[in-house]
N, C-alpha and C. Protein backbone atom coordinates (compact mmCIF):
# COMPACT_ATOMS: atom_id res chain seq x y z
N MET A 1 -9.01 0.49 -22.63
CA MET A 1 -9.11 -0.99 -22.76
C MET A 1 -10.11 -1.18 -21.72
N GLN A 2 -11.13 -2.10 -21.82
CA GLN A 2 -12.35 -2.29 -21.43
C GLN A 2 -12.41 -3.39 -20.66
N PHE A 3 -12.81 -3.90 -19.40
CA PHE A 3 -12.43 -4.63 -18.34
C PHE A 3 -14.01 -5.04 -17.88
N THR A 4 -14.16 -6.41 -17.42
CA THR A 4 -15.56 -6.69 -16.82
C THR A 4 -15.14 -7.64 -15.79
N VAL A 5 -15.82 -7.80 -14.75
CA VAL A 5 -15.40 -8.57 -13.28
C VAL A 5 -16.73 -9.18 -13.00
N ARG A 6 -17.18 -10.27 -12.92
CA ARG A 6 -18.29 -10.51 -12.57
C ARG A 6 -18.38 -11.67 -11.27
N ASP A 7 -19.03 -11.37 -10.26
CA ASP A 7 -18.71 -12.68 -9.24
C ASP A 7 -20.27 -12.57 -8.52
N ALA A 8 -20.30 -13.79 -7.98
CA ALA A 8 -21.82 -13.89 -7.15
C ALA A 8 -21.23 -14.08 -5.76
N ILE A 9 -22.48 -13.28 -5.16
CA ILE A 9 -22.11 -13.25 -3.79
C ILE A 9 -23.25 -14.23 -3.02
N PRO A 10 -23.23 -14.84 -1.97
CA PRO A 10 -24.52 -15.63 -1.58
C PRO A 10 -25.27 -14.90 -0.77
N PHE A 11 -25.59 -13.31 -0.98
CA PHE A 11 -26.69 -12.69 0.22
C PHE A 11 -27.49 -11.76 -0.83
N PRO A 12 -28.71 -11.56 -0.51
CA PRO A 12 -29.57 -11.22 -1.17
C PRO A 12 -28.69 -9.61 -1.43
N ARG A 13 -29.42 -9.04 -2.77
CA ARG A 13 -29.05 -7.90 -3.26
C ARG A 13 -29.08 -6.65 -2.34
N ASP A 14 -30.10 -6.12 -1.64
CA ASP A 14 -30.26 -5.15 -0.95
C ASP A 14 -29.28 -5.27 0.18
N GLN A 15 -28.69 -6.41 0.72
CA GLN A 15 -27.95 -6.49 1.50
C GLN A 15 -26.19 -6.24 0.98
N VAL A 16 -25.91 -6.49 -0.19
CA VAL A 16 -24.93 -6.78 -1.03
C VAL A 16 -24.65 -5.26 -1.19
N PHE A 17 -25.59 -4.61 -1.91
CA PHE A 17 -25.60 -3.13 -2.28
C PHE A 17 -25.61 -2.10 -1.10
N GLU A 18 -26.25 -2.42 -0.28
CA GLU A 18 -25.82 -1.70 0.93
C GLU A 18 -24.56 -1.60 1.71
N ALA A 19 -23.72 -2.80 1.78
CA ALA A 19 -22.70 -3.03 2.14
C ALA A 19 -21.42 -2.52 1.32
N GLN A 20 -21.73 -2.50 -0.15
CA GLN A 20 -20.80 -1.79 -0.67
C GLN A 20 -20.89 -0.49 -0.74
N ARG A 21 -22.20 0.22 -0.54
CA ARG A 21 -22.42 1.60 -0.49
C ARG A 21 -22.23 2.36 0.53
N ASP A 22 -22.55 1.60 1.81
CA ASP A 22 -22.46 2.02 3.17
C ASP A 22 -21.43 1.74 4.18
N LYS A 23 -20.76 0.64 3.67
CA LYS A 23 -19.80 0.10 4.62
C LYS A 23 -18.40 -0.06 4.12
N LEU A 24 -17.96 0.66 3.29
CA LEU A 24 -16.86 0.67 2.90
C LEU A 24 -15.71 0.57 3.61
N PRO A 25 -15.56 1.68 4.49
CA PRO A 25 -14.73 1.52 5.65
C PRO A 25 -14.61 0.53 6.52
N GLU A 26 -15.24 -0.07 6.61
CA GLU A 26 -15.63 -1.45 7.60
C GLU A 26 -15.17 -2.49 6.80
N LEU A 27 -15.24 -2.39 5.56
CA LEU A 27 -14.81 -3.72 4.68
C LEU A 27 -13.40 -3.54 4.31
N ALA A 28 -12.56 -2.30 4.72
CA ALA A 28 -11.29 -2.21 4.59
C ALA A 28 -10.35 -3.66 4.96
N PRO A 29 -10.84 -4.09 5.97
CA PRO A 29 -10.05 -5.09 6.64
C PRO A 29 -10.15 -6.40 6.18
N TYR A 30 -11.17 -6.56 5.29
CA TYR A 30 -11.54 -7.83 4.67
C TYR A 30 -11.07 -7.87 3.01
N LEU A 31 -10.03 -6.87 2.98
CA LEU A 31 -9.73 -6.59 1.91
C LEU A 31 -8.11 -6.64 1.40
N HIS A 32 -7.58 -7.42 1.36
CA HIS A 32 -6.28 -7.88 1.13
C HIS A 32 -5.10 -6.99 1.06
N ASP A 33 -5.56 -6.06 -0.03
CA ASP A 33 -4.41 -5.14 -0.83
C ASP A 33 -4.83 -3.59 -0.47
N ILE A 34 -5.73 -3.67 0.46
CA ILE A 34 -6.25 -2.31 0.97
C ILE A 34 -6.24 -2.15 2.16
N GLU A 35 -5.18 -0.67 2.54
CA GLU A 35 -4.89 -0.38 3.92
C GLU A 35 -5.90 0.29 4.31
N SER A 36 -6.90 1.32 3.81
CA SER A 36 -8.06 1.95 4.17
C SER A 36 -8.98 2.42 3.35
N ILE A 37 -9.98 2.48 3.56
CA ILE A 37 -10.89 3.28 2.87
C ILE A 37 -11.93 4.89 3.49
N THR A 38 -11.68 5.83 2.99
CA THR A 38 -12.01 7.01 3.75
C THR A 38 -13.25 7.47 3.00
N VAL A 39 -14.67 7.61 3.57
CA VAL A 39 -15.61 8.32 2.77
C VAL A 39 -15.52 10.09 3.26
N THR A 40 -15.18 10.68 2.14
CA THR A 40 -14.74 12.31 2.49
C THR A 40 -16.15 12.92 1.72
N SER A 41 -16.89 12.41 1.50
CA SER A 41 -18.26 12.99 1.13
C SER A 41 -19.55 12.28 0.78
N ARG A 42 -20.91 12.59 1.17
CA ARG A 42 -21.68 11.91 1.07
C ARG A 42 -22.80 12.75 0.60
N GLU A 43 -23.64 12.62 -0.43
CA GLU A 43 -25.11 13.40 -0.61
C GLU A 43 -26.19 12.51 -0.93
N GLU A 44 -27.22 12.90 -0.19
CA GLU A 44 -28.50 11.97 -0.84
C GLU A 44 -29.19 12.94 -1.48
N HIS A 45 -29.80 12.37 -2.61
CA HIS A 45 -31.06 12.70 -3.51
C HIS A 45 -31.48 11.68 -4.01
N GLY A 46 -32.68 11.56 -2.80
CA GLY A 46 -33.75 10.52 -2.97
C GLY A 46 -33.14 9.37 -2.88
N ALA A 47 -33.44 8.08 -4.28
CA ALA A 47 -32.83 7.14 -4.03
C ALA A 47 -31.38 7.24 -4.62
N VAL A 48 -30.76 8.52 -4.96
CA VAL A 48 -29.37 8.22 -5.44
C VAL A 48 -28.32 8.78 -4.24
N SER A 49 -27.51 8.47 -4.32
CA SER A 49 -26.54 8.68 -2.85
C SER A 49 -25.16 8.70 -3.84
N LYS A 50 -24.58 10.07 -3.73
CA LYS A 50 -23.33 10.40 -4.66
C LYS A 50 -22.22 10.35 -3.24
N LEU A 51 -21.26 9.29 -3.38
CA LEU A 51 -20.08 9.46 -2.38
C LEU A 51 -18.73 9.56 -2.99
N VAL A 52 -18.09 10.24 -2.25
CA VAL A 52 -16.45 10.17 -2.59
C VAL A 52 -15.73 9.58 -1.85
N ASN A 53 -14.92 8.73 -2.03
CA ASN A 53 -14.16 7.72 -0.96
C ASN A 53 -12.76 7.78 -1.49
N ILE A 54 -12.12 7.73 -0.62
CA ILE A 54 -10.37 7.44 -0.69
C ILE A 54 -9.80 6.32 -0.79
N TRP A 55 -9.37 5.58 -1.45
CA TRP A 55 -8.75 4.24 -1.11
C TRP A 55 -7.41 3.94 -1.30
N LYS A 56 -6.91 3.53 0.13
CA LYS A 56 -5.41 3.57 0.16
C LYS A 56 -4.89 1.96 -0.14
N ALA A 57 -4.06 1.68 -1.06
CA ALA A 57 -3.27 0.38 -1.09
C ALA A 57 -2.24 0.28 -0.19
N LYS A 58 -1.93 -0.89 0.14
CA LYS A 58 -0.95 -1.42 1.20
C LYS A 58 0.43 -1.18 0.61
N GLY A 59 0.63 -0.85 -0.87
CA GLY A 59 1.60 -1.13 -1.47
C GLY A 59 1.77 -2.20 -2.50
N GLY A 60 3.01 -2.77 -2.65
CA GLY A 60 3.39 -3.56 -3.33
C GLY A 60 4.53 -3.68 -4.35
N ASP A 61 4.27 -4.33 -5.36
CA ASP A 61 5.40 -4.27 -6.36
C ASP A 61 5.30 -3.40 -7.41
N ILE A 62 6.03 -2.14 -7.55
CA ILE A 62 5.83 -1.39 -8.76
C ILE A 62 6.64 -1.88 -9.76
N PRO A 63 6.56 -1.78 -10.96
CA PRO A 63 7.30 -2.23 -11.83
C PRO A 63 8.49 -1.13 -11.85
N SER A 64 9.70 -1.68 -12.32
CA SER A 64 11.01 -0.91 -12.26
C SER A 64 10.63 0.36 -13.08
N ALA A 65 9.89 0.18 -14.54
CA ALA A 65 9.86 1.03 -15.49
C ALA A 65 9.18 2.21 -14.59
N MET A 66 8.42 1.97 -13.53
CA MET A 66 7.24 3.19 -13.40
C MET A 66 8.06 3.67 -12.03
N ARG A 67 8.93 3.18 -11.41
CA ARG A 67 9.58 3.76 -9.85
C ARG A 67 10.09 4.95 -9.99
N ALA A 68 10.18 5.46 -11.29
CA ALA A 68 10.61 7.05 -11.07
C ALA A 68 9.68 8.20 -10.73
N PHE A 69 8.24 7.56 -11.16
CA PHE A 69 7.26 8.54 -10.88
C PHE A 69 6.16 8.22 -10.25
N VAL A 70 6.07 6.80 -9.77
CA VAL A 70 5.08 6.07 -8.59
C VAL A 70 5.90 5.60 -7.62
N LYS A 71 5.60 6.42 -6.33
CA LYS A 71 5.96 6.02 -5.01
C LYS A 71 5.06 5.22 -4.43
N PRO A 72 5.58 4.34 -3.32
CA PRO A 72 4.18 3.66 -2.88
C PRO A 72 3.32 4.20 -2.01
N GLU A 73 3.73 5.67 -1.64
CA GLU A 73 2.47 6.72 -1.28
C GLU A 73 1.58 6.77 -2.01
N MET A 74 1.93 6.97 -3.39
CA MET A 74 0.88 7.40 -4.48
C MET A 74 0.01 6.30 -4.55
N LEU A 75 -0.13 5.08 -3.99
CA LEU A 75 -0.82 3.99 -4.68
C LEU A 75 -2.37 4.07 -3.82
N GLN A 76 -2.81 5.25 -4.34
CA GLN A 76 -4.21 5.40 -3.74
C GLN A 76 -5.17 6.16 -4.76
N TRP A 77 -6.20 5.87 -4.82
CA TRP A 77 -7.50 6.53 -5.76
C TRP A 77 -8.87 7.32 -5.00
N THR A 78 -9.15 8.15 -5.85
CA THR A 78 -10.57 8.70 -5.25
C THR A 78 -11.52 7.99 -6.12
N ASP A 79 -12.34 7.29 -5.35
CA ASP A 79 -13.76 7.03 -6.12
C ASP A 79 -14.84 7.94 -6.08
N TYR A 80 -15.31 8.51 -7.41
CA TYR A 80 -16.64 9.31 -7.39
C TYR A 80 -17.63 8.34 -7.58
N ALA A 81 -18.40 8.15 -6.95
CA ALA A 81 -19.80 7.32 -7.19
C ALA A 81 -20.97 7.80 -7.07
N SER A 82 -22.01 7.43 -7.98
CA SER A 82 -23.39 7.41 -7.93
C SER A 82 -24.05 6.41 -7.82
N TRP A 83 -24.90 6.27 -6.55
CA TRP A 83 -25.37 4.87 -6.39
C TRP A 83 -26.96 5.09 -6.30
N ASP A 84 -27.47 4.33 -7.38
CA ASP A 84 -28.68 4.59 -7.94
C ASP A 84 -29.53 3.40 -7.19
N ARG A 85 -30.20 3.59 -6.03
CA ARG A 85 -31.10 2.10 -5.38
C ARG A 85 -32.15 1.47 -6.56
N ASP A 86 -32.84 2.38 -6.85
CA ASP A 86 -33.92 1.98 -7.78
C ASP A 86 -33.45 1.26 -8.92
N ALA A 87 -32.39 1.82 -9.59
CA ALA A 87 -31.64 1.02 -10.74
C ALA A 87 -30.70 -0.24 -10.29
N TRP A 88 -30.25 -0.33 -9.15
CA TRP A 88 -29.48 -1.48 -8.51
C TRP A 88 -27.81 -1.18 -9.20
N ARG A 89 -27.51 0.06 -9.31
CA ARG A 89 -26.64 0.07 -10.21
C ARG A 89 -25.37 1.69 -9.37
N CYS A 90 -24.31 1.40 -9.54
CA CYS A 90 -23.47 2.54 -9.21
C CYS A 90 -22.48 2.82 -10.53
N ASP A 91 -22.51 4.05 -10.85
CA ASP A 91 -21.50 4.59 -11.93
C ASP A 91 -20.49 5.37 -10.98
N TRP A 92 -19.21 4.90 -11.77
CA TRP A 92 -18.32 5.41 -10.85
C TRP A 92 -17.09 5.94 -12.00
N ASN A 93 -16.21 6.82 -11.07
CA ASN A 93 -15.01 7.25 -11.69
C ASN A 93 -14.01 7.24 -11.20
N LEU A 94 -12.60 6.95 -11.27
CA LEU A 94 -11.46 6.59 -10.41
C LEU A 94 -10.64 7.62 -10.92
N VAL A 95 -10.29 8.53 -9.70
CA VAL A 95 -9.04 9.32 -10.09
C VAL A 95 -7.89 8.65 -9.27
N LEU A 96 -7.18 8.31 -10.05
CA LEU A 96 -5.61 7.54 -9.43
C LEU A 96 -4.64 8.80 -8.67
N GLY A 97 -4.08 8.39 -7.56
CA GLY A 97 -3.09 9.29 -7.03
C GLY A 97 -1.82 9.66 -7.90
N PHE A 98 -1.68 8.86 -8.83
CA PHE A 98 -0.19 8.99 -9.32
C PHE A 98 -0.89 9.04 -10.98
N LEU A 99 0.27 10.18 -11.53
CA LEU A 99 -0.13 10.26 -12.79
C LEU A 99 -1.44 11.04 -13.03
N PRO A 100 -1.86 11.82 -12.76
CA PRO A 100 -3.12 12.72 -12.88
C PRO A 100 -3.07 13.25 -14.16
N GLY A 101 -4.61 12.95 -14.81
CA GLY A 101 -4.39 13.76 -16.44
C GLY A 101 -4.15 12.68 -17.33
N VAL A 102 -3.37 11.52 -16.74
CA VAL A 102 -2.59 10.47 -17.91
C VAL A 102 -3.21 9.35 -17.88
N ILE A 103 -4.16 8.76 -16.77
CA ILE A 103 -4.86 7.45 -16.52
C ILE A 103 -6.62 8.12 -16.43
N GLU A 104 -7.52 7.65 -16.96
CA GLU A 104 -8.92 7.78 -16.87
C GLU A 104 -9.41 6.20 -16.94
N CYS A 105 -10.29 6.13 -15.78
CA CYS A 105 -11.21 4.70 -15.29
C CYS A 105 -12.37 5.36 -15.05
N LYS A 106 -13.55 4.57 -15.74
CA LYS A 106 -14.60 4.89 -15.31
C LYS A 106 -15.51 3.62 -15.50
N GLY A 107 -16.46 3.63 -15.03
CA GLY A 107 -17.68 2.48 -15.37
C GLY A 107 -18.76 2.08 -14.47
N SER A 108 -19.20 1.30 -14.36
CA SER A 108 -20.68 0.94 -13.67
C SER A 108 -20.52 -0.51 -13.16
N THR A 109 -21.11 -0.39 -11.89
CA THR A 109 -21.39 -1.82 -11.17
C THR A 109 -22.95 -1.95 -11.06
N SER A 110 -23.18 -3.14 -11.31
CA SER A 110 -24.82 -3.44 -11.33
C SER A 110 -24.82 -4.68 -10.41
N PHE A 111 -25.72 -4.89 -9.88
CA PHE A 111 -26.61 -5.96 -8.61
C PHE A 111 -27.74 -6.63 -9.38
N ALA A 112 -27.65 -7.75 -9.60
CA ALA A 112 -28.87 -8.49 -10.01
C ALA A 112 -28.91 -9.75 -8.95
N GLU A 113 -30.17 -9.98 -8.49
CA GLU A 113 -30.50 -11.02 -7.96
C GLU A 113 -31.17 -11.89 -8.51
N ALA A 114 -30.65 -13.36 -8.17
CA ALA A 114 -31.24 -14.66 -8.39
C ALA A 114 -31.13 -15.69 -7.36
N GLY A 115 -32.29 -15.96 -7.02
CA GLY A 115 -32.33 -16.84 -5.91
C GLY A 115 -31.80 -16.48 -4.79
N GLY A 116 -31.83 -15.55 -4.24
CA GLY A 116 -31.17 -15.00 -2.54
C GLY A 116 -29.85 -14.43 -3.07
N ARG A 117 -29.38 -14.90 -4.17
CA ARG A 117 -27.89 -14.62 -4.23
C ARG A 117 -27.76 -13.11 -4.98
N THR A 118 -26.59 -12.69 -5.20
CA THR A 118 -26.38 -11.56 -6.04
C THR A 118 -25.19 -11.78 -6.96
N THR A 119 -25.53 -11.09 -8.43
CA THR A 119 -24.19 -11.33 -9.25
C THR A 119 -24.04 -9.75 -9.44
N VAL A 120 -22.81 -9.56 -8.92
CA VAL A 120 -22.21 -8.04 -9.19
C VAL A 120 -21.03 -8.12 -10.31
N THR A 121 -21.69 -7.41 -11.05
CA THR A 121 -21.08 -6.92 -12.77
C THR A 121 -20.23 -5.60 -12.45
N VAL A 122 -18.78 -5.78 -12.52
CA VAL A 122 -18.25 -4.26 -12.54
C VAL A 122 -17.83 -4.32 -14.18
N ALA A 123 -18.05 -3.35 -14.74
CA ALA A 123 -17.59 -3.05 -16.37
C ALA A 123 -17.24 -1.68 -16.17
N GLY A 124 -15.89 -1.65 -16.71
CA GLY A 124 -15.20 -0.48 -17.06
C GLY A 124 -14.53 -0.33 -17.92
N ASP A 125 -13.84 1.07 -18.00
CA ASP A 125 -13.10 1.41 -19.45
C ASP A 125 -11.89 2.43 -18.65
N LEU A 126 -10.76 1.65 -19.23
CA LEU A 126 -9.54 2.38 -18.58
C LEU A 126 -8.87 3.08 -20.11
N LYS A 127 -8.13 4.17 -20.01
CA LYS A 127 -7.58 4.81 -20.79
C LYS A 127 -6.51 5.61 -20.44
N ILE A 128 -5.45 5.34 -21.14
CA ILE A 128 -4.07 5.90 -20.97
C ILE A 128 -3.38 6.91 -21.62
N PHE A 129 -3.35 8.10 -21.50
CA PHE A 129 -2.74 9.13 -22.37
C PHE A 129 -1.33 9.01 -22.43
N ALA A 130 -0.80 8.11 -22.76
CA ALA A 130 0.69 7.83 -22.39
C ALA A 130 1.73 9.27 -23.19
N ASP A 131 0.95 10.16 -23.90
CA ASP A 131 1.77 11.15 -24.28
C ASP A 131 2.02 12.35 -23.14
N LYS A 132 1.27 12.02 -22.15
CA LYS A 132 1.05 12.90 -21.02
C LYS A 132 1.97 12.27 -19.88
N ILE A 133 2.46 11.21 -20.06
CA ILE A 133 3.50 10.88 -18.84
C ILE A 133 5.00 11.69 -18.89
N PRO A 134 4.82 12.23 -17.76
CA PRO A 134 6.16 13.16 -17.63
C PRO A 134 7.50 12.36 -17.62
N GLY A 135 8.52 13.32 -18.46
CA GLY A 135 9.76 12.55 -18.71
C GLY A 135 9.75 11.37 -19.64
N VAL A 136 8.78 11.03 -20.14
CA VAL A 136 8.64 9.96 -21.27
C VAL A 136 8.89 10.38 -22.54
N PRO A 137 9.75 10.40 -23.62
CA PRO A 137 10.16 10.84 -25.00
C PRO A 137 8.77 10.36 -25.75
N ARG A 138 8.27 11.03 -26.41
CA ARG A 138 7.24 10.82 -27.33
C ARG A 138 7.45 9.47 -28.06
N PHE A 139 8.74 8.93 -28.68
CA PHE A 139 8.85 7.87 -29.30
C PHE A 139 8.86 6.66 -28.40
N MET A 140 8.90 6.85 -27.04
CA MET A 140 8.53 5.58 -25.89
C MET A 140 7.18 5.72 -25.36
N ALA A 141 6.46 6.78 -25.76
CA ALA A 141 4.99 6.71 -25.13
C ALA A 141 4.27 5.47 -25.21
N ALA A 142 4.06 4.91 -26.33
CA ALA A 142 3.29 3.89 -26.69
C ALA A 142 3.59 2.35 -25.67
N LYS A 143 5.34 2.33 -25.53
CA LYS A 143 5.63 1.37 -24.72
C LYS A 143 5.24 1.87 -23.23
N ALA A 144 5.51 3.12 -22.88
CA ALA A 144 5.40 3.47 -21.50
C ALA A 144 3.76 3.56 -20.99
N GLY A 145 2.91 3.66 -22.01
CA GLY A 145 1.58 3.39 -21.99
C GLY A 145 1.22 2.12 -21.82
N GLU A 146 1.55 1.18 -22.50
CA GLU A 146 1.43 -0.34 -22.18
C GLU A 146 1.79 -0.75 -20.90
N THR A 147 3.06 -0.36 -20.30
CA THR A 147 3.51 -0.64 -19.04
C THR A 147 2.70 -0.19 -17.94
N VAL A 148 1.87 0.67 -17.96
CA VAL A 148 1.42 1.88 -17.08
C VAL A 148 -0.05 0.97 -17.13
N GLU A 149 -0.78 0.72 -18.37
CA GLU A 149 -1.95 0.19 -18.40
C GLU A 149 -1.96 -1.22 -17.85
N LYS A 150 -0.88 -1.92 -18.17
CA LYS A 150 -0.79 -3.31 -17.50
C LYS A 150 -0.70 -3.25 -15.76
N PHE A 151 -0.07 -2.33 -15.32
CA PHE A 151 0.17 -2.13 -13.79
C PHE A 151 -0.81 -1.68 -13.27
N VAL A 152 -1.97 -0.74 -13.81
CA VAL A 152 -3.25 -0.33 -13.64
C VAL A 152 -4.27 -1.46 -13.41
N ILE A 153 -4.55 -2.05 -14.69
CA ILE A 153 -5.33 -3.16 -14.76
C ILE A 153 -4.88 -4.01 -13.73
N GLY A 154 -3.53 -4.45 -13.63
CA GLY A 154 -3.43 -5.57 -12.57
C GLY A 154 -3.43 -5.31 -11.42
N MET A 155 -3.67 -3.94 -10.97
CA MET A 155 -3.95 -3.40 -9.60
C MET A 155 -5.49 -3.52 -9.26
N ILE A 156 -6.18 -2.93 -10.11
CA ILE A 156 -7.81 -2.57 -10.37
C ILE A 156 -8.66 -4.06 -10.35
N LYS A 157 -8.45 -4.92 -11.47
CA LYS A 157 -9.28 -5.54 -11.73
C LYS A 157 -9.45 -7.05 -10.56
N PRO A 158 -8.01 -7.41 -10.07
CA PRO A 158 -8.13 -8.38 -8.85
C PRO A 158 -8.92 -7.45 -7.58
N ASN A 159 -8.62 -6.14 -7.35
CA ASN A 159 -9.13 -5.68 -6.25
C ASN A 159 -10.55 -5.37 -6.37
N LEU A 160 -11.23 -5.54 -7.49
CA LEU A 160 -12.46 -5.39 -7.95
C LEU A 160 -13.31 -7.06 -7.52
N SER A 161 -12.49 -8.23 -7.71
CA SER A 161 -13.06 -9.37 -6.92
C SER A 161 -12.92 -9.41 -5.79
N LYS A 162 -11.69 -8.99 -5.17
CA LYS A 162 -11.25 -9.06 -3.99
C LYS A 162 -12.39 -8.25 -3.10
N THR A 163 -12.82 -7.44 -3.85
CA THR A 163 -13.65 -6.52 -3.01
C THR A 163 -14.88 -7.37 -2.80
N ASN A 164 -15.40 -8.15 -3.75
CA ASN A 164 -16.70 -8.68 -3.61
C ASN A 164 -16.47 -10.12 -2.79
N GLU A 165 -15.41 -10.40 -2.58
CA GLU A 165 -14.88 -11.58 -1.60
C GLU A 165 -15.04 -10.79 -0.39
N GLY A 166 -14.34 -9.74 -0.03
CA GLY A 166 -14.48 -9.19 1.28
C GLY A 166 -15.68 -8.69 1.80
N VAL A 167 -16.85 -8.39 0.74
CA VAL A 167 -18.51 -8.03 1.13
C VAL A 167 -18.81 -9.70 1.73
N THR A 168 -18.62 -10.44 0.86
CA THR A 168 -19.08 -11.78 1.50
C THR A 168 -18.92 -12.15 2.79
N ALA A 169 -17.20 -12.20 3.21
CA ALA A 169 -16.61 -12.22 4.22
C ALA A 169 -17.30 -11.22 5.34
N TYR A 170 -17.70 -10.04 4.91
CA TYR A 170 -17.87 -8.98 6.14
C TYR A 170 -19.44 -9.53 6.45
N LEU A 171 -20.36 -9.76 5.30
CA LEU A 171 -21.91 -10.18 5.77
C LEU A 171 -21.86 -11.35 6.44
N ARG A 172 -21.20 -12.39 5.94
CA ARG A 172 -20.82 -13.62 6.82
C ARG A 172 -20.52 -13.08 8.32
N ALA A 173 -19.86 -12.53 8.45
CA ALA A 173 -19.28 -12.14 10.07
C ALA A 173 -20.63 -11.31 10.32
N GLN A 174 -20.92 -10.40 9.85
CA GLN A 174 -22.48 -9.94 10.37
C GLN A 174 -23.50 -10.66 10.83
N ALA A 175 -23.46 -11.71 10.26
CA ALA A 175 -24.68 -12.86 10.25
C ALA A 175 -24.36 -13.57 11.64
N GLY A 176 -23.17 -13.19 11.65
CA GLY A 176 -22.97 -14.36 13.27
C GLY A 176 -22.17 -15.62 13.02
């Protein structure tokens, strides 16, 4: 399932890009559903920064069909990101803390400047390999896959927009 989120942030592109790349742990308090963001590694290669971040969600409502294999403490994901300052783009791959090998989510975030504002476009692709969900009979895999897909998209997509809202709030706070 492909998804796109597009938001306008009322700050220049360099500030938005740098906030999302360099200030994620500081942004966590501005993100409603996020408990913490931890940078576990960072490598610099000229204009490209490679980061690994662990995002921890505050929990929330887990659908009853998923409670057997998704516990609240599993609601975290590792974000492998390659930030290219010259292209104003970030390519990312998310590894969810539950159902490893079952869910694949990757995409890119681009930053376009227009009159002192920044349009942030997140385009991603989510794949569910339902036949790999433990304990789910093959004949129920398609239905289980739909449930997992809706849950994951329901968790990721709003958080992408909320991240952009959090960047706006963070940059406003930094501006004074």
